[in-house]
C-alpha cells in the first residue's frame, strides 16, 4: 500500500476505527461498563474525541478520550471509574451502617469530578452529601468519620 502522510504516525501505527465498535469498555477497577457502539470524531480538527458506550438496553454513555488508558481492537480501558454509574449504590457510614443509596450525582460540568451526591433512605428521606465527606468510592461509597448522617425518623416534616 502506498502511504501519503504529513505526521509522524504511519499507517501501521494506526488502527481501523471499525474494529473499535463492539469491544468492551473496562473501568479502572476492572468493571465492564458496556460495549462501544460509536466512535466520535471532531469534524473541525478531524481528530478522534471519544466513544459512545451502550450499558444495558437503553442506557448510553459518552466517554471522552482523555479518560482512556488503552484503546485497541481488544477493548477500551479507562483511567476512571465513571461517577455517573454510582446511582443506586450503597452509601456506608464510617461505622459500617448503610445510610442509604445514591439517588443522584452532582458533577462539575460534564466531567467525572463529583461535587456532591444525593442519598435516599426510607427512614432518613433524601439528603445531600458533599464530596468533602466521602472517604472512598468503589462498589460502595464510604464516608469519613466526621460525617453526621441525618437521624432516622418515621415522622419527618416536609422540607
C-alpha atoms as a PDB file:
ATOM      1  CA  UNK A   1       0.000   0.000   0.000  1.00  0.00           C
ATOM      2  CA  UNK A   2       1.241   3.453  -0.839  1.00  0.00           C
ATOM      3  CA  UNK A   3       1.283   5.961   2.020  1.00  0.00           C
ATOM      4  CA  UNK A   4       0.893   9.724   1.930  1.00  0.00           C
ATOM      5  CA  UNK A   5       1.024  11.464   5.316  1.00  0.00           C
ATOM      6  CA  UNK A   6       2.499  14.526   6.947  1.00  0.00           C
ATOM      7  CA  UNK A   7       2.619  13.391  10.574  1.00  0.00           C
ATOM      8  CA  UNK A   8       4.914  11.071  12.479  1.00  0.00           C
ATOM      9  CA  UNK A   9       2.256   8.335  12.738  1.00  0.00           C
ATOM     10  CA  UNK A  10       2.467   5.883   9.871  1.00  0.00           C
ATOM     11  CA  UNK A  11      -0.348   3.684   8.595  1.00  0.00           C
ATOM     12  CA  UNK A  12       0.982   0.671  10.515  1.00  0.00           C
ATOM     13  CA  UNK A  13       0.833   2.589  13.807  1.00  0.00           C
ATOM     14  CA  UNK A  14      -2.882   3.388  13.456  1.00  0.00           C
ATOM     15  CA  UNK A  15      -5.930   1.165  13.981  1.00  0.00           C
ATOM     16  CA  UNK A  16      -9.083   0.747  11.939  1.00  0.00           C
ATOM     17  CA  UNK A  17     -11.840   2.630  13.760  1.00  0.00           C
ATOM     18  CA  UNK A  18     -14.391  -0.014  12.724  1.00  0.00           C
ATOM     19  CA  UNK A  19     -12.564  -2.558  14.887  1.00  0.00           C
ATOM     20  CA  UNK A  20     -13.375  -0.472  17.976  1.00  0.00           C
ATOM     21  CA  UNK A  21     -17.143  -0.919  17.518  1.00  0.00           C
ATOM     22  CA  UNK A  22     -18.447  -3.709  19.741  1.00  0.00           C
ATOM     23  CA  UNK A  23     -15.416  -4.009  22.032  1.00  0.00           C
ATOM     24  CA  UNK A  24     -15.788  -3.941  25.816  1.00  0.00           C
ATOM     25  CA  UNK A  25     -15.117  -0.859  27.881  1.00  0.00           C
ATOM     26  CA  UNK A  26     -13.462  -1.674  31.214  1.00  0.00           C
ATOM     27  CA  UNK A  27     -13.247   0.762  34.138  1.00  0.00           C
ATOM     28  CA  UNK A  28     -10.144   1.495  36.189  1.00  0.00           C
ATOM     29  CA  UNK A  29     -11.212  -1.113  38.774  1.00  0.00           C
ATOM     30  CA  UNK A  30     -11.911  -3.815  36.184  1.00  0.00           C
ATOM     31  CA  UNK A  31     -15.689  -3.460  35.932  1.00  0.00           C
ATOM     32  CA  UNK A  32     -17.232  -3.916  32.478  1.00  0.00           C
ATOM     33  CA  UNK A  33     -19.065  -0.679  31.659  1.00  0.00           C
ATOM     34  CA  UNK A  34     -20.552  -1.851  28.363  1.00  0.00           C
ATOM     35  CA  UNK A  35     -19.700  -2.093  24.670  1.00  0.00           C
ATOM     36  CA  UNK A  36     -18.675   0.604  22.194  1.00  0.00           C
ATOM     37  CA  UNK A  37     -21.487   1.471  19.774  1.00  0.00           C
ATOM     38  CA  UNK A  38     -19.979   4.586  18.172  1.00  0.00           C
ATOM     39  CA  UNK A  39     -16.595   6.231  17.720  1.00  0.00           C
ATOM     40  CA  UNK A  40     -16.932  10.034  17.621  1.00  0.00           C
ATOM     41  CA  UNK A  41     -14.704  12.370  15.588  1.00  0.00           C
ATOM     42  CA  UNK A  42     -14.434  16.172  15.754  1.00  0.00           C
ATOM     43  CA  UNK A  43     -15.233  17.420  12.221  1.00  0.00           C
ATOM     44  CA  UNK A  44     -13.181  20.606  12.667  1.00  0.00           C
ATOM     45  CA  UNK A  45      -9.940  19.086  13.928  1.00  0.00           C
ATOM     46  CA  UNK A  46     -10.579  15.700  12.279  1.00  0.00           C
ATOM     47  CA  UNK A  47      -9.397  14.018  15.444  1.00  0.00           C
ATOM     48  CA  UNK A  48     -10.872  11.168  17.457  1.00  0.00           C
ATOM     49  CA  UNK A  49     -12.763  12.517  20.501  1.00  0.00           C
ATOM     50  CA  UNK A  50     -14.397   9.596  22.299  1.00  0.00           C
ATOM     51  CA  UNK A  51     -16.806   6.674  22.211  1.00  0.00           C
ATOM     52  CA  UNK A  52     -20.460   6.016  22.944  1.00  0.00           C
ATOM     53  CA  UNK A  53     -20.887   3.010  25.226  1.00  0.00           C
ATOM     54  CA  UNK A  54     -24.098   1.007  25.489  1.00  0.00           C
ATOM     55  CA  UNK A  55     -24.811  -0.091  29.050  1.00  0.00           C
ATOM     56  CA  UNK A  56     -27.858  -2.332  29.080  1.00  0.00           C
ATOM     57  CA  UNK A  57     -30.703  -1.973  26.621  1.00  0.00           C
ATOM     58  CA  UNK A  58     -31.490   1.726  26.800  1.00  0.00           C
ATOM     59  CA  UNK A  59     -28.602   3.493  28.528  1.00  0.00           C
ATOM     60  CA  UNK A  60     -25.832   5.112  26.502  1.00  0.00           C
ATOM     61  CA  UNK A  61     -22.807   6.934  27.892  1.00  0.00           C
ATOM     62  CA  UNK A  62     -20.364   9.160  26.002  1.00  0.00           C
ATOM     63  CA  UNK A  63     -16.790   8.889  27.305  1.00  0.00           C
ATOM     64  CA  UNK A  64     -14.141  11.334  26.071  1.00  0.00           C
ATOM     65  CA  UNK A  65     -10.675  10.200  25.001  1.00  0.00           C
ATOM     66  CA  UNK A  66      -8.992  11.900  27.976  1.00  0.00           C
ATOM     67  CA  UNK A  67     -10.397   9.138  30.178  1.00  0.00           C
ATOM     68  CA  UNK A  68      -8.827   6.307  28.111  1.00  0.00           C
ATOM     69  CA  UNK A  69      -5.758   4.440  29.266  1.00  0.00           C
ATOM     70  CA  UNK A  70      -5.802   1.981  26.353  1.00  0.00           C
ATOM     71  CA  UNK A  71      -7.714   1.896  23.079  1.00  0.00           C
ATOM     72  CA  UNK A  72      -7.317  -1.207  20.922  1.00  0.00           C
ATOM     73  CA  UNK A  73      -9.359  -3.696  18.871  1.00  0.00           C
ATOM     74  CA  UNK A  74      -9.378  -5.885  22.016  1.00  0.00           C
ATOM     75  CA  UNK A  75     -11.030  -3.282  24.242  1.00  0.00           C
ATOM     76  CA  UNK A  76     -11.031   0.144  25.832  1.00  0.00           C
ATOM     77  CA  UNK A  77      -9.582   0.505  29.330  1.00  0.00           C
ATOM     78  CA  UNK A  78     -10.423   3.648  31.281  1.00  0.00           C
ATOM     79  CA  UNK A  79      -8.348   5.554  33.841  1.00  0.00           C
ATOM     80  CA  UNK A  80     -11.523   6.295  35.817  1.00  0.00           C
ATOM     81  CA  UNK A  81     -14.481   4.664  37.469  1.00  0.00           C
ATOM     82  CA  UNK A  82     -17.341   6.666  35.833  1.00  0.00           C
ATOM     83  CA  UNK A  83     -19.114   8.610  38.589  1.00  0.00           C
ATOM     84  CA  UNK A  84     -22.445   8.542  36.748  1.00  0.00           C
ATOM     85  CA  UNK A  85     -22.618   4.797  37.393  1.00  0.00           C
ATOM     86  CA  UNK A  86     -22.784   5.289  41.183  1.00  0.00           C
ATOM     87  CA  UNK A  87     -26.554   5.808  41.077  1.00  0.00           C
ATOM     88  CA  UNK A  88     -28.209   3.100  43.171  1.00  0.00           C
ATOM     89  CA  UNK A  89     -25.030   2.144  45.052  1.00  0.00           C
ATOM     90  CA  UNK A  90     -24.966   1.898  48.859  1.00  0.00           C
ATOM     91  CA  UNK A  91     -23.621   4.732  50.998  1.00  0.00           C
ATOM     92  CA  UNK A  92     -21.918   3.454  54.142  1.00  0.00           C
ATOM     93  CA  UNK A  93     -21.057   5.487  57.237  1.00  0.00           C
ATOM     94  CA  UNK A  94     -17.625   5.144  58.839  1.00  0.00           C
ATOM     95  CA  UNK A  95     -19.048   2.779  61.480  1.00  0.00           C
ATOM     96  CA  UNK A  96     -20.349   0.391  58.786  1.00  0.00           C
ATOM     97  CA  UNK A  97     -24.023   1.385  58.849  1.00  0.00           C
ATOM     98  CA  UNK A  98     -25.722   1.619  55.453  1.00  0.00           C
ATOM     99  CA  UNK A  99     -27.346   5.057  55.498  1.00  0.00           C
ATOM    100  CA  UNK A 100     -28.991   4.910  52.074  1.00  0.00           C
ATOM    101  CA  UNK A 101     -28.493   4.593  48.342  1.00  0.00           C
ATOM    102  CA  UNK A 102     -27.257   7.158  45.820  1.00  0.00           C
ATOM    103  CA  UNK A 103     -30.217   8.865  44.183  1.00  0.00           C
ATOM    104  CA  UNK A 104     -28.275  11.348  42.018  1.00  0.00           C
ATOM    105  CA  UNK A 105     -24.772  12.698  41.426  1.00  0.00           C
ATOM    106  CA  UNK A 106     -23.923  16.402  41.153  1.00  0.00           C
ATOM    107  CA  UNK A 107     -20.809  16.738  38.969  1.00  0.00           C
ATOM    108  CA  UNK A 108     -18.551  19.596  37.916  1.00  0.00           C
ATOM    109  CA  UNK A 109     -19.983  20.270  34.455  1.00  0.00           C
ATOM    110  CA  UNK A 110     -19.911  17.053  32.474  1.00  0.00           C
ATOM    111  CA  UNK A 111     -16.592  15.881  33.914  1.00  0.00           C
ATOM    112  CA  UNK A 112     -16.161  12.837  36.137  1.00  0.00           C
ATOM    113  CA  UNK A 113     -15.467  15.066  39.171  1.00  0.00           C
ATOM    114  CA  UNK A 114     -18.144  14.785  41.863  1.00  0.00           C
ATOM    115  CA  UNK A 115     -19.358  17.865  43.797  1.00  0.00           C
ATOM    116  CA  UNK A 116     -21.936  16.056  45.907  1.00  0.00           C
ATOM    117  CA  UNK A 117     -24.288  13.094  45.947  1.00  0.00           C
ATOM    118  CA  UNK A 118     -27.949  12.927  46.889  1.00  0.00           C
ATOM    119  CA  UNK A 119     -28.751   9.936  49.059  1.00  0.00           C
ATOM    120  CA  UNK A 120     -32.172   8.483  49.797  1.00  0.00           C
ATOM    121  CA  UNK A 121     -33.197   6.299  52.697  1.00  0.00           C
ATOM    122  CA  UNK A 122     -36.675   5.238  53.785  1.00  0.00           C
ATOM    123  CA  UNK A 123     -36.169   6.424  57.362  1.00  0.00           C
ATOM    124  CA  UNK A 124     -33.922   9.414  56.645  1.00  0.00           C
ATOM    125  CA  UNK A 125     -35.522  10.742  53.460  1.00  0.00           C
ATOM    126  CA  UNK A 126     -33.334  12.420  50.827  1.00  0.00           C
ATOM    127  CA  UNK A 127     -30.243  14.389  51.784  1.00  0.00           C
ATOM    128  CA  UNK A 128     -27.109  15.703  50.116  1.00  0.00           C
ATOM    129  CA  UNK A 129     -23.521  14.772  50.982  1.00  0.00           C
ATOM    130  CA  UNK A 130     -20.605  16.940  49.865  1.00  0.00           C
ATOM    131  CA  UNK A 131     -17.598  15.231  48.286  1.00  0.00           C
ATOM    132  CA  UNK A 132     -15.588  16.533  51.263  1.00  0.00           C
ATOM    133  CA  UNK A 133     -17.242  13.853  53.430  1.00  0.00           C
ATOM    134  CA  UNK A 134     -16.551  10.967  51.039  1.00  0.00           C
ATOM    135  CA  UNK A 135     -13.581   8.821  52.048  1.00  0.00           C
ATOM    136  CA  UNK A 136     -13.582   6.339  49.166  1.00  0.00           C
ATOM    137  CA  UNK A 137     -15.606   5.329  46.152  1.00  0.00           C
ATOM    138  CA  UNK A 138     -15.555   1.762  44.869  1.00  0.00           C
ATOM    139  CA  UNK A 139     -18.507  -0.619  44.653  1.00  0.00           C
ATOM    140  CA  UNK A 140     -19.996   1.296  47.600  1.00  0.00           C
ATOM    141  CA  UNK A 141     -19.370   4.803  48.887  1.00  0.00           C
ATOM    142  CA  UNK A 142     -17.631   5.005  52.259  1.00  0.00           C
ATOM    143  CA  UNK A 143     -17.993   8.208  54.260  1.00  0.00           C
ATOM    144  CA  UNK A 144     -15.418   9.854  56.506  1.00  0.00           C
ATOM    145  CA  UNK A 145     -15.559   9.556  60.274  1.00  0.00           C
ATOM    146  CA  UNK A 146     -16.598  13.199  60.751  1.00  0.00           C
ATOM    147  CA  UNK A 147     -19.848  12.890  58.728  1.00  0.00           C
ATOM    148  CA  UNK A 148     -23.025  13.011  60.818  1.00  0.00           C
ATOM    149  CA  UNK A 149     -25.905  11.372  58.966  1.00  0.00           C
ATOM    150  CA  UNK A 150     -29.454  12.682  59.453  1.00  0.00           C
ATOM    151  CA  UNK A 151     -31.300  10.906  62.247  1.00  0.00           C
ATOM    152  CA  UNK A 152     -33.800   8.165  61.434  1.00  0.00           C
ATOM    153  CA  UNK A 153     -37.415   9.199  61.812  1.00  0.00           C
ATOM    154  CA  UNK A 154     -40.774   7.805  60.792  1.00  0.00           C
ATOM    155  CA  UNK A 155     -42.448  11.201  61.135  1.00  0.00           C
ATOM    156  CA  UNK A 156     -40.443  13.625  59.015  1.00  0.00           C
ATOM    157  CA  UNK A 157     -41.795  17.074  58.303  1.00  0.00           C
ATOM    158  CA  UNK A 158     -41.916  18.186  54.678  1.00  0.00           C
ATOM    159  CA  UNK A 159     -38.986  20.442  53.816  1.00  0.00           C
END
